[in-house]
């Protein structure tokens, strides 16, 4: 059995957020940028709920790229950020130490840009014996062509492509597992787009649960 013939778990995976910074976002052209921010913060919140180790890294913060998005920083308040100069995170000893400190071999990769700062460390981490899963809609590139070519290169090197919703649902795996169920549903209702709206509908219309809104909608009923 190869490493990719079994599912990862919260106990054997770590997640990396590379350079989710303003200047890098300005150059993204392959995905709606508001959607990208939503996907990244959604995945981060679920990873935190499941106690998955995370590594945050930034490049040339105060000289070029700007501070990591507040939507991501606020999920991990006070967590150290690996500050780099190298475009390839794997070249940076602080990054390598942070990855090694997780003790995990399954690495879930997100970042900007796909074609450089995600691709290069992914290839070298695969060579170093890690299993890398690239969450492609939590990555942004300077064009669709650049994004597609980068994904092809990473897959050819041995990485696996996936997207945000299946990436986070792999942590839950079975709906009978109740430890994180309610918290997960709460996060999904807020940020999982059509899926989240569907969850809210099922809760309120089918199961007659209270609305999630802080001030629920009141529907007036006319007397007949």
Protein backbone atom coordinates (compact mmCIF):
# COMPACT_ATOMS: atom_id res chain seq x y z
CA UNK A 1 0.00 0.00 0.00
CA UNK A 2 1.38 3.40 -0.96
CA UNK A 3 0.91 6.39 1.38
CA UNK A 4 -1.80 7.74 -0.94
CA UNK A 5 -3.89 4.56 -0.75
CA UNK A 6 -5.15 5.48 2.68
CA UNK A 7 -6.83 8.57 4.09
CA UNK A 8 -5.04 11.07 6.29
CA UNK A 9 -6.31 11.82 9.79
CA UNK A 10 -6.07 14.71 12.28
CA UNK A 11 -3.50 12.59 14.13
CA UNK A 12 -1.10 12.08 11.21
CA UNK A 13 -1.45 15.28 9.17
CA UNK A 14 -0.21 18.86 9.38
CA UNK A 15 -1.24 21.87 7.35
CA UNK A 16 0.90 24.61 5.85
CA UNK A 17 -0.20 28.14 4.96
CA UNK A 18 2.39 29.80 2.71
CA UNK A 19 2.44 33.54 2.07
CA UNK A 20 -1.23 34.44 2.34
CA UNK A 21 -0.22 38.10 2.20
CA UNK A 22 -1.68 41.16 0.43
CA UNK A 23 1.01 41.74 -2.19
CA UNK A 24 0.86 38.08 -3.20
CA UNK A 25 -2.94 38.21 -3.40
CA UNK A 26 -2.79 41.24 -5.70
CA UNK A 27 -1.18 39.06 -8.38
CA UNK A 28 -3.69 36.20 -8.19
CA UNK A 29 -5.71 35.81 -11.40
CA UNK A 30 -6.91 32.19 -11.46
CA UNK A 31 -9.57 32.34 -8.73
CA UNK A 32 -11.92 34.93 -7.29
CA UNK A 33 -9.89 36.46 -4.48
CA UNK A 34 -12.76 36.75 -2.00
CA UNK A 35 -13.45 33.04 -2.54
CA UNK A 36 -9.79 32.27 -1.96
CA UNK A 37 -9.75 34.13 1.35
CA UNK A 38 -12.94 32.34 2.41
CA UNK A 39 -11.55 28.91 1.50
CA UNK A 40 -8.28 29.49 3.35
CA UNK A 41 -9.94 30.75 6.53
CA UNK A 42 -12.53 27.94 6.38
CA UNK A 43 -9.83 25.26 6.15
CA UNK A 44 -7.85 26.97 8.91
CA UNK A 45 -10.83 27.04 11.29
CA UNK A 46 -11.57 23.37 10.75
CA UNK A 47 -7.91 22.42 11.17
CA UNK A 48 -7.86 24.29 14.47
CA UNK A 49 -11.05 22.57 15.63
CA UNK A 50 -9.48 19.16 14.94
CA UNK A 51 -6.16 20.15 16.58
CA UNK A 52 -4.19 19.65 13.38
CA UNK A 53 -0.71 21.20 13.68
CA UNK A 54 -0.26 24.21 11.44
CA UNK A 55 2.70 26.10 10.05
CA UNK A 56 2.32 29.74 8.98
CA UNK A 57 5.02 31.27 6.85
CA UNK A 58 5.51 34.65 5.19
CA UNK A 59 8.05 36.15 2.79
CA UNK A 60 9.59 39.64 3.06
CA UNK A 61 6.66 40.88 5.14
CA UNK A 62 7.68 44.45 5.88
CA UNK A 63 9.73 45.10 2.74
CA UNK A 64 7.30 43.80 0.11
CA UNK A 65 4.48 41.38 0.83
CA UNK A 66 2.60 42.86 3.79
CA UNK A 67 1.22 41.13 6.85
CA UNK A 68 -0.62 37.82 6.63
CA UNK A 69 -4.36 38.32 6.13
CA UNK A 70 -6.12 39.07 9.42
CA UNK A 71 -8.74 36.44 8.55
CA UNK A 72 -5.99 33.81 8.87
CA UNK A 73 -4.03 35.34 11.74
CA UNK A 74 -7.18 35.58 13.86
CA UNK A 75 -7.69 31.81 13.62
CA UNK A 76 -4.27 31.26 15.23
CA UNK A 77 -3.76 34.28 17.50
CA UNK A 78 -0.18 34.65 18.65
CA UNK A 79 1.13 31.69 16.69
CA UNK A 80 4.68 32.31 15.45
CA UNK A 81 5.04 33.00 11.75
CA UNK A 82 8.12 31.70 9.95
CA UNK A 83 9.58 34.76 8.25
CA UNK A 84 11.63 34.02 5.11
CA UNK A 85 13.56 35.63 2.29
CA UNK A 86 13.66 32.55 0.08
CA UNK A 87 10.85 31.93 -2.39
CA UNK A 88 11.27 28.23 -1.60
CA UNK A 89 10.21 27.63 1.99
CA UNK A 90 12.16 24.38 2.09
CA UNK A 91 15.37 26.38 1.70
CA UNK A 92 14.64 28.05 5.05
CA UNK A 93 15.88 26.24 8.16
CA UNK A 94 13.12 27.76 10.31
CA UNK A 95 10.47 26.35 8.01
CA UNK A 96 12.09 22.91 7.91
CA UNK A 97 12.29 22.89 11.70
CA UNK A 98 8.63 23.91 12.00
CA UNK A 99 7.60 21.06 9.69
CA UNK A 100 9.75 18.56 11.56
CA UNK A 101 8.35 19.76 14.89
CA UNK A 102 4.85 18.70 13.85
CA UNK A 103 6.02 15.08 13.74
CA UNK A 104 3.72 14.49 10.78
CA UNK A 105 4.47 13.02 7.35
CA UNK A 106 1.17 13.94 5.66
CA UNK A 107 1.44 17.62 4.74
CA UNK A 108 -1.59 19.54 3.49
CA UNK A 109 -0.27 22.43 1.42
CA UNK A 110 -1.86 25.81 0.68
CA UNK A 111 -0.33 29.07 -0.46
CA UNK A 112 0.51 31.82 -2.91
CA UNK A 113 1.65 31.57 -5.61
CA UNK A 114 0.91 28.04 -6.78
CA UNK A 115 3.59 28.08 -9.45
CA UNK A 116 6.47 29.12 -7.17
CA UNK A 117 6.02 29.17 -3.40
CA UNK A 118 3.75 26.10 -3.35
CA UNK A 119 5.36 24.06 -6.13
CA UNK A 120 9.00 24.35 -5.12
CA UNK A 121 8.73 23.22 -1.47
CA UNK A 122 6.20 20.56 -2.46
CA UNK A 123 8.66 18.97 -4.88
CA UNK A 124 11.48 19.02 -2.34
CA UNK A 125 9.31 17.77 0.53
CA UNK A 126 8.21 14.86 -1.63
CA UNK A 127 11.89 14.12 -2.20
CA UNK A 128 12.46 14.28 1.55
CA UNK A 129 9.85 11.57 2.17
CA UNK A 130 6.73 13.60 2.96
CA UNK A 131 3.30 12.92 1.47
CA UNK A 132 1.95 16.21 0.13
CA UNK A 133 -1.68 17.10 -0.56
CA UNK A 134 -2.20 20.38 -2.42
CA UNK A 135 -5.53 22.11 -1.71
CA UNK A 136 -5.79 23.81 -5.06
CA UNK A 137 -8.61 26.24 -4.27
CA UNK A 138 -6.62 27.49 -1.27
CA UNK A 139 -3.80 28.36 -3.67
CA UNK A 140 -3.59 31.24 -6.09
CA UNK A 141 -1.50 31.77 -9.21
CA UNK A 142 -0.79 34.62 -11.61
CA UNK A 143 -2.87 32.96 -14.34
CA UNK A 144 -4.99 29.86 -14.89
CA UNK A 145 -2.25 28.48 -17.13
CA UNK A 146 0.35 28.98 -14.41
CA UNK A 147 -1.91 27.28 -11.85
CA UNK A 148 -2.63 24.30 -14.11
CA UNK A 149 1.01 23.84 -15.08
CA UNK A 150 2.09 24.01 -11.44
CA UNK A 151 -0.48 21.41 -10.40
CA UNK A 152 0.65 19.13 -13.22
CA UNK A 153 4.27 19.47 -12.17
CA UNK A 154 3.46 18.66 -8.53
CA UNK A 155 1.32 15.66 -9.48
CA UNK A 156 4.11 14.37 -11.74
CA UNK A 157 6.43 14.64 -8.74
CA UNK A 158 3.98 12.63 -6.60
CA UNK A 159 1.65 15.13 -4.91
CA UNK A 160 -2.13 14.75 -4.67
CA UNK A 161 -4.65 17.42 -5.68
CA UNK A 162 -7.78 18.12 -3.65
CA UNK A 163 -10.11 20.98 -2.80
CA UNK A 164 -11.25 22.64 0.40
CA UNK A 165 -14.45 20.79 1.30
CA UNK A 166 -13.13 17.22 0.87
CA UNK A 167 -9.87 18.28 2.52
CA UNK A 168 -11.63 19.29 5.72
CA UNK A 169 -14.23 16.49 5.64
CA UNK A 170 -11.42 13.93 5.64
CA UNK A 171 -10.79 14.98 9.24
CA UNK A 172 -14.40 14.16 10.23
CA UNK A 173 -14.69 11.00 8.11
CA UNK A 174 -17.75 9.53 9.88
CA UNK A 175 -20.84 11.47 10.98
CA UNK A 176 -21.27 9.21 14.00
CA UNK A 177 -18.12 10.76 15.47
CA UNK A 178 -19.63 13.48 17.63
CA UNK A 179 -16.58 15.11 19.24
CA UNK A 180 -16.25 17.83 16.61
CA UNK A 181 -19.60 17.45 14.88
CA UNK A 182 -21.46 20.49 16.22
CA UNK A 183 -18.47 22.80 15.89
CA UNK A 184 -17.84 21.60 12.34
CA UNK A 185 -21.44 22.16 11.35
CA UNK A 186 -21.29 25.66 12.82
CA UNK A 187 -18.22 26.51 10.74
CA UNK A 188 -19.69 25.01 7.59
CA UNK A 189 -22.95 26.90 7.96
CA UNK A 190 -21.04 30.17 8.07
CA UNK A 191 -18.44 29.62 5.33
CA UNK A 192 -19.12 26.58 3.17
CA UNK A 193 -21.17 28.34 0.50
CA UNK A 194 -24.05 26.33 -0.96
CA UNK A 195 -23.14 23.34 1.21
CA UNK A 196 -23.34 25.51 4.33
CA UNK A 197 -26.69 26.95 3.27
CA UNK A 198 -27.93 23.40 2.74
CA UNK A 199 -26.82 22.44 6.25
CA UNK A 200 -28.67 25.43 7.72
CA UNK A 201 -31.78 24.50 5.75
CA UNK A 202 -31.69 20.89 6.90
CA UNK A 203 -31.20 21.94 10.53
CA UNK A 204 -34.04 24.45 10.57
CA UNK A 205 -36.59 23.09 8.09
CA UNK A 206 -36.12 19.33 8.50
CA UNK A 207 -34.92 18.96 12.07
CA UNK A 208 -36.63 22.12 13.38
CA UNK A 209 -33.46 23.35 15.05
CA UNK A 210 -33.10 27.04 15.96
CA UNK A 211 -31.85 29.39 13.27
CA UNK A 212 -28.15 30.26 13.36
CA UNK A 213 -28.82 33.98 13.02
CA UNK A 214 -28.24 35.98 16.21
CA UNK A 215 -31.59 37.60 15.57
CA UNK A 216 -33.74 34.90 13.93
CA UNK A 217 -36.21 35.73 11.20
CA UNK A 218 -39.80 35.97 12.42
CA UNK A 219 -42.43 35.16 9.83
CA UNK A 220 -45.79 36.85 10.41
CA UNK A 221 -48.82 34.64 9.98
CA UNK A 222 -52.04 36.13 8.69
CA UNK A 223 -55.20 35.19 10.45
CA UNK A 224 -57.82 33.53 8.27
